[in-house]
PDB file of all heavy atoms in Angstrom:
ATOM      1  N   ASP A   1      -3.463  21.190  29.761  1.00  0.00           N
ATOM      2  CA  ASP A   1      -4.015  22.107  28.774  1.00  0.00           C
ATOM      3  C   ASP A   1      -5.391  21.596  28.349  1.00  0.00           C
ATOM      4  O   ASP A   1      -5.512  20.465  27.865  1.00  0.00           O
ATOM      5  CB  ASP A   1      -3.057  22.186  27.585  1.00  0.00           C
ATOM      6  CG  ASP A   1      -3.624  22.971  26.426  1.00  0.00           C
ATOM      7  OD1 ASP A   1      -4.308  23.985  26.671  1.00  0.00           O
ATOM      8  OD2 ASP A   1      -3.392  22.565  25.266  1.00  0.00           O
ATOM      9  N   ARG A   2      -6.418  22.423  28.540  1.00  0.00           N
ATOM     10  CA  ARG A   2      -7.793  21.995  28.265  1.00  0.00           C
ATOM     11  C   ARG A   2      -7.970  21.557  26.813  1.00  0.00           C
ATOM     12  O   ARG A   2      -8.661  20.574  26.532  1.00  0.00           O
ATOM     13  CB  ARG A   2      -8.781  23.088  28.628  1.00  0.00           C
ATOM     14  CG  ARG A   2     -10.219  22.622  28.511  1.00  0.00           C
ATOM     15  CD  ARG A   2     -11.220  23.688  28.932  1.00  0.00           C
ATOM     16  NE  ARG A   2     -12.563  23.177  28.854  1.00  0.00           N
ATOM     17  CZ  ARG A   2     -13.207  22.586  29.850  1.00  0.00           C
ATOM     18  NH1 ARG A   2     -12.626  22.446  31.015  1.00  0.00           N
ATOM     19  NH2 ARG A   2     -14.439  22.137  29.694  1.00  0.00           N
ATOM     20  N   ASP A   3      -7.352  22.257  25.879  1.00  0.00           N
ATOM     21  CA  ASP A   3      -7.478  21.881  24.469  1.00  0.00           C
ATOM     22  C   ASP A   3      -6.889  20.493  24.226  1.00  0.00           C
ATOM     23  O   ASP A   3      -7.440  19.698  23.463  1.00  0.00           O
ATOM     24  CB  ASP A   3      -6.782  22.902  23.569  1.00  0.00           C
ATOM     25  CG  ASP A   3      -7.525  24.225  23.500  1.00  0.00           C
ATOM     26  OD1 ASP A   3      -8.739  24.249  23.822  1.00  0.00           O
ATOM     27  OD2 ASP A   3      -6.906  25.236  23.126  1.00  0.00           O
ATOM     28  N   ALA A   4      -5.773  20.196  24.877  1.00  0.00           N
ATOM     29  CA  ALA A   4      -5.152  18.876  24.729  1.00  0.00           C
ATOM     30  C   ALA A   4      -6.045  17.790  25.323  1.00  0.00           C
ATOM     31  O   ALA A   4      -6.150  16.685  24.767  1.00  0.00           O
ATOM     32  CB  ALA A   4      -3.774  18.856  25.382  1.00  0.00           C
ATOM     33  N   VAL A   5      -6.686  18.080  26.451  1.00  0.00           N
ATOM     34  CA  VAL A   5      -7.603  17.110  27.066  1.00  0.00           C
ATOM     35  C   VAL A   5      -8.778  16.852  26.137  1.00  0.00           C
ATOM     36  O   VAL A   5      -9.156  15.693  25.887  1.00  0.00           O
ATOM     37  CB  VAL A   5      -8.093  17.598  28.443  1.00  0.00           C
ATOM     38  CG1 VAL A   5      -9.129  16.638  29.017  1.00  0.00           C
ATOM     39  CG2 VAL A   5      -6.937  17.759  29.412  1.00  0.00           C
ATOM     40  N   GLU A   6      -9.365  17.903  25.592  1.00  0.00           N
ATOM     41  CA  GLU A   6     -10.513  17.738  24.703  1.00  0.00           C
ATOM     42  C   GLU A   6     -10.121  16.984  23.433  1.00  0.00           C
ATOM     43  O   GLU A   6     -10.877  16.146  22.940  1.00  0.00           O
ATOM     44  CB  GLU A   6     -11.125  19.098  24.379  1.00  0.00           C
ATOM     45  CG  GLU A   6     -11.818  19.704  25.585  1.00  0.00           C
ATOM     46  CD  GLU A   6     -12.319  21.112  25.357  1.00  0.00           C
ATOM     47  OE1 GLU A   6     -12.040  21.695  24.282  1.00  0.00           O
ATOM     48  OE2 GLU A   6     -12.999  21.632  26.255  1.00  0.00           O
ATOM     49  N   GLU A   7      -8.921  17.257  22.929  1.00  0.00           N
ATOM     50  CA  GLU A   7      -8.441  16.539  21.751  1.00  0.00           C
ATOM     51  C   GLU A   7      -8.213  15.060  22.073  1.00  0.00           C
ATOM     52  O   GLU A   7      -8.517  14.177  21.273  1.00  0.00           O
ATOM     53  CB  GLU A   7      -7.152  17.213  21.244  1.00  0.00           C
ATOM     54  CG  GLU A   7      -6.713  16.752  19.877  1.00  0.00           C
ATOM     55  CD  GLU A   7      -5.640  15.690  19.975  1.00  0.00           C
ATOM     56  OE1 GLU A   7      -4.869  15.708  20.945  1.00  0.00           O
ATOM     57  OE2 GLU A   7      -5.584  14.838  19.096  1.00  0.00           O
ATOM     58  N   ALA A   8      -7.705  14.768  23.278  1.00  0.00           N
ATOM     59  CA  ALA A   8      -7.518  13.380  23.704  1.00  0.00           C
ATOM     60  C   ALA A   8      -8.861  12.665  23.826  1.00  0.00           C
ATOM     61  O   ALA A   8      -8.984  11.495  23.423  1.00  0.00           O
ATOM     62  CB  ALA A   8      -6.769  13.334  25.034  1.00  0.00           C
ATOM     63  N   ILE A   9      -9.854  13.342  24.355  1.00  0.00           N
ATOM     64  CA  ILE A   9     -11.194  12.753  24.474  1.00  0.00           C
ATOM     65  C   ILE A   9     -11.719  12.390  23.089  1.00  0.00           C
ATOM     66  O   ILE A   9     -12.225  11.279  22.866  1.00  0.00           O
ATOM     67  CB  ILE A   9     -12.155  13.709  25.207  1.00  0.00           C
ATOM     68  CG1 ILE A   9     -11.751  13.834  26.679  1.00  0.00           C
ATOM     69  CG2 ILE A   9     -13.606  13.243  25.065  1.00  0.00           C
ATOM     70  CD1 ILE A   9     -12.428  14.975  27.416  1.00  0.00           C
ATOM     71  N   ASP A  10     -11.592  13.303  22.137  1.00  0.00           N
ATOM     72  CA  ASP A  10     -12.050  13.058  20.774  1.00  0.00           C
ATOM     73  C   ASP A  10     -11.319  11.851  20.168  1.00  0.00           C
ATOM     74  O   ASP A  10     -11.931  10.978  19.549  1.00  0.00           O
ATOM     75  CB  ASP A  10     -11.836  14.311  19.919  1.00  0.00           C
ATOM     76  CG  ASP A  10     -12.397  14.166  18.529  1.00  0.00           C
ATOM     77  OD1 ASP A  10     -13.586  13.815  18.397  1.00  0.00           O
ATOM     78  OD2 ASP A  10     -11.642  14.390  17.556  1.00  0.00           O
ATOM     79  N   PHE A  11      -9.997  11.804  20.368  1.00  0.00           N
ATOM     80  CA  PHE A  11      -9.205  10.671  19.873  1.00  0.00           C
ATOM     81  C   PHE A  11      -9.700   9.358  20.478  1.00  0.00           C
ATOM     82  O   PHE A  11      -9.910   8.363  19.770  1.00  0.00           O
ATOM     83  CB  PHE A  11      -7.726  10.882  20.215  1.00  0.00           C
ATOM     84  CG  PHE A  11      -6.869   9.669  19.986  1.00  0.00           C
ATOM     85  CD1 PHE A  11      -6.277   9.447  18.757  1.00  0.00           C
ATOM     86  CD2 PHE A  11      -6.655   8.733  21.000  1.00  0.00           C
ATOM     87  CE1 PHE A  11      -5.492   8.313  18.531  1.00  0.00           C
ATOM     88  CE2 PHE A  11      -5.880   7.614  20.791  1.00  0.00           C
ATOM     89  CZ  PHE A  11      -5.297   7.395  19.554  1.00  0.00           C
ATOM     90  N   LEU A  12      -9.873   9.331  21.793  1.00  0.00           N
ATOM     91  CA  LEU A  12     -10.269   8.105  22.489  1.00  0.00           C
ATOM     92  C   LEU A  12     -11.654   7.632  22.073  1.00  0.00           C
ATOM     93  O   LEU A  12     -11.907   6.421  21.994  1.00  0.00           O
ATOM     94  CB  LEU A  12     -10.204   8.314  23.997  1.00  0.00           C
ATOM     95  CG  LEU A  12      -8.805   8.473  24.581  1.00  0.00           C
ATOM     96  CD1 LEU A  12      -8.872   9.028  25.995  1.00  0.00           C
ATOM     97  CD2 LEU A  12      -8.049   7.153  24.553  1.00  0.00           C
ATOM     98  N   MET A  13     -12.565   8.567  21.819  1.00  0.00           N
ATOM     99  CA  MET A  13     -13.918   8.182  21.398  1.00  0.00           C
ATOM    100  C   MET A  13     -13.908   7.515  20.025  1.00  0.00           C
ATOM    101  O   MET A  13     -14.775   6.693  19.723  1.00  0.00           O
ATOM    102  CB  MET A  13     -14.835   9.406  21.382  1.00  0.00           C
ATOM    103  CG  MET A  13     -15.191   9.884  22.765  1.00  0.00           C
ATOM    104  SD  MET A  13     -16.111   8.610  23.674  1.00  0.00           S
ATOM    105  CE  MET A  13     -16.918   9.604  24.904  1.00  0.00           C
ATOM    106  N   ARG A  14     -12.930   7.831  19.193  1.00  0.00           N
ATOM    107  CA  ARG A  14     -12.823   7.231  17.855  1.00  0.00           C
ATOM    108  C   ARG A  14     -11.922   5.999  17.832  1.00  0.00           C
ATOM    109  O   ARG A  14     -11.946   5.228  16.871  1.00  0.00           O
ATOM    110  CB  ARG A  14     -12.269   8.261  16.863  1.00  0.00           C
ATOM    111  CG  ARG A  14     -13.169   9.431  16.585  1.00  0.00           C
ATOM    112  CD  ARG A  14     -12.654  10.317  15.449  1.00  0.00           C
ATOM    113  NE  ARG A  14     -11.216  10.410  15.354  1.00  0.00           N
ATOM    114  CZ  ARG A  14     -10.451  11.337  15.937  1.00  0.00           C
ATOM    115  NH1 ARG A  14     -11.013  12.263  16.676  1.00  0.00           N
ATOM    116  NH2 ARG A  14      -9.143  11.347  15.783  1.00  0.00           N
ATOM    117  N   GLN A  15     -11.122   5.813  18.874  1.00  0.00           N
ATOM    118  CA  GLN A  15     -10.119   4.750  18.904  1.00  0.00           C
ATOM    119  C   GLN A  15     -10.766   3.378  19.133  1.00  0.00           C
ATOM    120  O   GLN A  15     -11.460   3.173  20.124  1.00  0.00           O
ATOM    121  CB  GLN A  15      -9.113   5.031  20.023  1.00  0.00           C
ATOM    122  CG  GLN A  15      -8.121   3.926  20.293  1.00  0.00           C
ATOM    123  CD  GLN A  15      -7.165   3.689  19.133  1.00  0.00           C
ATOM    124  OE1 GLN A  15      -6.741   4.609  18.464  1.00  0.00           O
ATOM    125  NE2 GLN A  15      -6.834   2.434  18.910  1.00  0.00           N
ATOM    126  N   PRO A  16     -10.539   2.414  18.220  1.00  0.00           N
ATOM    127  CA  PRO A  16     -11.068   1.067  18.480  1.00  0.00           C
ATOM    128  C   PRO A  16     -10.251   0.375  19.569  1.00  0.00           C
ATOM    129  O   PRO A  16      -9.063   0.677  19.746  1.00  0.00           O
ATOM    130  CB  PRO A  16     -10.903   0.347  17.136  1.00  0.00           C
ATOM    131  CG  PRO A  16      -9.839   1.097  16.412  1.00  0.00           C
ATOM    132  CD  PRO A  16      -9.875   2.522  16.911  1.00  0.00           C
ATOM    133  N   PRO A  17     -10.861  -0.534  20.300  1.00  0.00           N
ATOM    134  CA  PRO A  17     -10.113  -1.284  21.318  1.00  0.00           C
ATOM    135  C   PRO A  17      -8.973  -2.076  20.688  1.00  0.00           C
ATOM    136  O   PRO A  17      -9.071  -2.544  19.554  1.00  0.00           O
ATOM    137  CB  PRO A  17     -11.169  -2.225  21.910  1.00  0.00           C
ATOM    138  CG  PRO A  17     -12.474  -1.569  21.617  1.00  0.00           C
ATOM    139  CD  PRO A  17     -12.290  -0.873  20.296  1.00  0.00           C
ATOM    140  N   LEU A  18      -7.905  -2.210  21.447  1.00  0.00           N
ATOM    141  CA  LEU A  18      -6.716  -2.933  21.013  1.00  0.00           C
ATOM    142  C   LEU A  18      -6.387  -4.033  22.016  1.00  0.00           C
ATOM    143  O   LEU A  18      -6.729  -3.926  23.191  1.00  0.00           O
ATOM    144  CB  LEU A  18      -5.518  -1.986  20.903  1.00  0.00           C
ATOM    145  CG  LEU A  18      -5.613  -0.892  19.843  1.00  0.00           C
ATOM    146  CD1 LEU A  18      -4.461   0.082  20.008  1.00  0.00           C
ATOM    147  CD2 LEU A  18      -5.619  -1.495  18.453  1.00  0.00           C
ATOM    148  N   PRO A  19      -5.688  -5.076  21.577  1.00  0.00           N
ATOM    149  CA  PRO A  19      -5.283  -6.126  22.520  1.00  0.00           C
ATOM    150  C   PRO A  19      -4.261  -5.585  23.511  1.00  0.00           C
ATOM    151  O   PRO A  19      -3.566  -4.598  23.227  1.00  0.00           O
ATOM    152  CB  PRO A  19      -4.676  -7.207  21.631  1.00  0.00           C
ATOM    153  CG  PRO A  19      -4.344  -6.541  20.348  1.00  0.00           C
ATOM    154  CD  PRO A  19      -5.267  -5.367  20.195  1.00  0.00           C
ATOM    155  N   PRO A  20      -4.164  -6.211  24.664  1.00  0.00           N
ATOM    156  CA  PRO A  20      -3.193  -5.753  25.665  1.00  0.00           C
ATOM    157  C   PRO A  20      -1.764  -5.995  25.222  1.00  0.00           C
ATOM    158  O   PRO A  20      -1.489  -6.898  24.428  1.00  0.00           O
ATOM    159  CB  PRO A  20      -3.533  -6.581  26.898  1.00  0.00           C
ATOM    160  CG  PRO A  20      -4.184  -7.804  26.358  1.00  0.00           C
ATOM    161  CD  PRO A  20      -4.908  -7.393  25.112  1.00  0.00           C
ATOM    162  N   LEU A  21      -0.863  -5.182  25.728  1.00  0.00           N
ATOM    163  CA  LEU A  21       0.566  -5.388  25.532  1.00  0.00           C
ATOM    164  C   LEU A  21       1.024  -6.439  26.535  1.00  0.00           C
ATOM    165  O   LEU A  21       0.696  -6.362  27.717  1.00  0.00           O
ATOM    166  CB  LEU A  21       1.327  -4.084  25.762  1.00  0.00           C
ATOM    167  CG  LEU A  21       0.972  -2.944  24.813  1.00  0.00           C
ATOM    168  CD1 LEU A  21       1.536  -1.633  25.336  1.00  0.00           C
ATOM    169  CD2 LEU A  21       1.473  -3.243  23.413  1.00  0.00           C
ATOM    170  N   LYS A  22       1.761  -7.411  26.062  1.00  0.00           N
ATOM    171  CA  LYS A  22       2.256  -8.457  26.955  1.00  0.00           C
ATOM    172  C   LYS A  22       3.508  -7.950  27.667  1.00  0.00           C
ATOM    173  O   LYS A  22       4.377  -7.333  27.046  1.00  0.00           O
ATOM    174  CB  LYS A  22       2.567  -9.721  26.166  1.00  0.00           C
ATOM    175  CG  LYS A  22       1.343 -10.338  25.551  1.00  0.00           C
ATOM    176  CD  LYS A  22       1.666 -11.535  24.713  1.00  0.00           C
ATOM    177  CE  LYS A  22       0.394 -12.044  24.052  1.00  0.00           C
ATOM    178  NZ  LYS A  22       0.693 -13.033  23.029  1.00  0.00           N
ATOM    179  N   PRO A  23       3.620  -8.220  28.947  1.00  0.00           N
ATOM    180  CA  PRO A  23       4.820  -7.785  29.677  1.00  0.00           C
ATOM    181  C   PRO A  23       6.039  -8.586  29.256  1.00  0.00           C
ATOM    182  O   PRO A  23       5.945  -9.789  29.001  1.00  0.00           O
ATOM    183  CB  PRO A  23       4.459  -8.044  31.141  1.00  0.00           C
ATOM    184  CG  PRO A  23       3.388  -9.075  31.106  1.00  0.00           C
ATOM    185  CD  PRO A  23       2.651  -8.909  29.812  1.00  0.00           C
ATOM    186  N   ASP A  24       7.160  -7.907  29.152  1.00  0.00           N
ATOM    187  CA  ASP A  24       8.419  -8.558  28.795  1.00  0.00           C
ATOM    188  C   ASP A  24       9.482  -8.090  29.783  1.00  0.00           C
ATOM    189  O   ASP A  24       9.714  -6.872  29.904  1.00  0.00           O
ATOM    190  CB  ASP A  24       8.819  -8.187  27.366  1.00  0.00           C
ATOM    191  CG  ASP A  24      10.059  -8.931  26.918  1.00  0.00           C
ATOM    192  OD1 ASP A  24      11.181  -8.473  27.239  1.00  0.00           O
ATOM    193  OD2 ASP A  24       9.908  -9.976  26.260  1.00  0.00           O
ATOM    194  N   ASP A  25      10.114  -9.026  30.480  1.00  0.00           N
ATOM    195  CA  ASP A  25      11.069  -8.644  31.516  1.00  0.00           C
ATOM    196  C   ASP A  25      12.329  -7.997  30.948  1.00  0.00           C
ATOM    197  O   ASP A  25      12.967  -7.188  31.602  1.00  0.00           O
ATOM    198  CB  ASP A  25      11.403  -9.822  32.435  1.00  0.00           C
ATOM    199  CG  ASP A  25      11.960 -11.031  31.702  1.00  0.00           C
ATOM    200  OD1 ASP A  25      11.862 -11.096  30.459  1.00  0.00           O
ATOM    201  OD2 ASP A  25      12.483 -11.927  32.383  1.00  0.00           O
ATOM    202  N   ARG A  26      12.673  -8.299  29.696  1.00  0.00           N
ATOM    203  CA  ARG A  26      13.844  -7.651  29.076  1.00  0.00           C
ATOM    204  C   ARG A  26      13.558  -6.190  28.764  1.00  0.00           C
ATOM    205  O   ARG A  26      14.406  -5.321  28.980  1.00  0.00           O
ATOM    206  CB  ARG A  26      14.261  -8.412  27.820  1.00  0.00           C
ATOM    207  CG  ARG A  26      14.668  -9.864  28.116  1.00  0.00           C
ATOM    208  CD  ARG A  26      14.669 -10.707  26.867  1.00  0.00           C
ATOM    209  NE  ARG A  26      13.329 -10.745  26.290  1.00  0.00           N
ATOM    210  CZ  ARG A  26      13.034 -11.275  25.110  1.00  0.00           C
ATOM    211  NH1 ARG A  26      13.989 -11.802  24.369  1.00  0.00           N
ATOM    212  NH2 ARG A  26      11.807 -11.288  24.660  1.00  0.00           N
TER     213      ARG A  26
END
């Protein structure tokens, strides 16, 4: 859905970087 893509772009442009998620085998 184009509106959802555009909304995701807007969200991502405002989103600050976050640390990576560490893998957990459990």
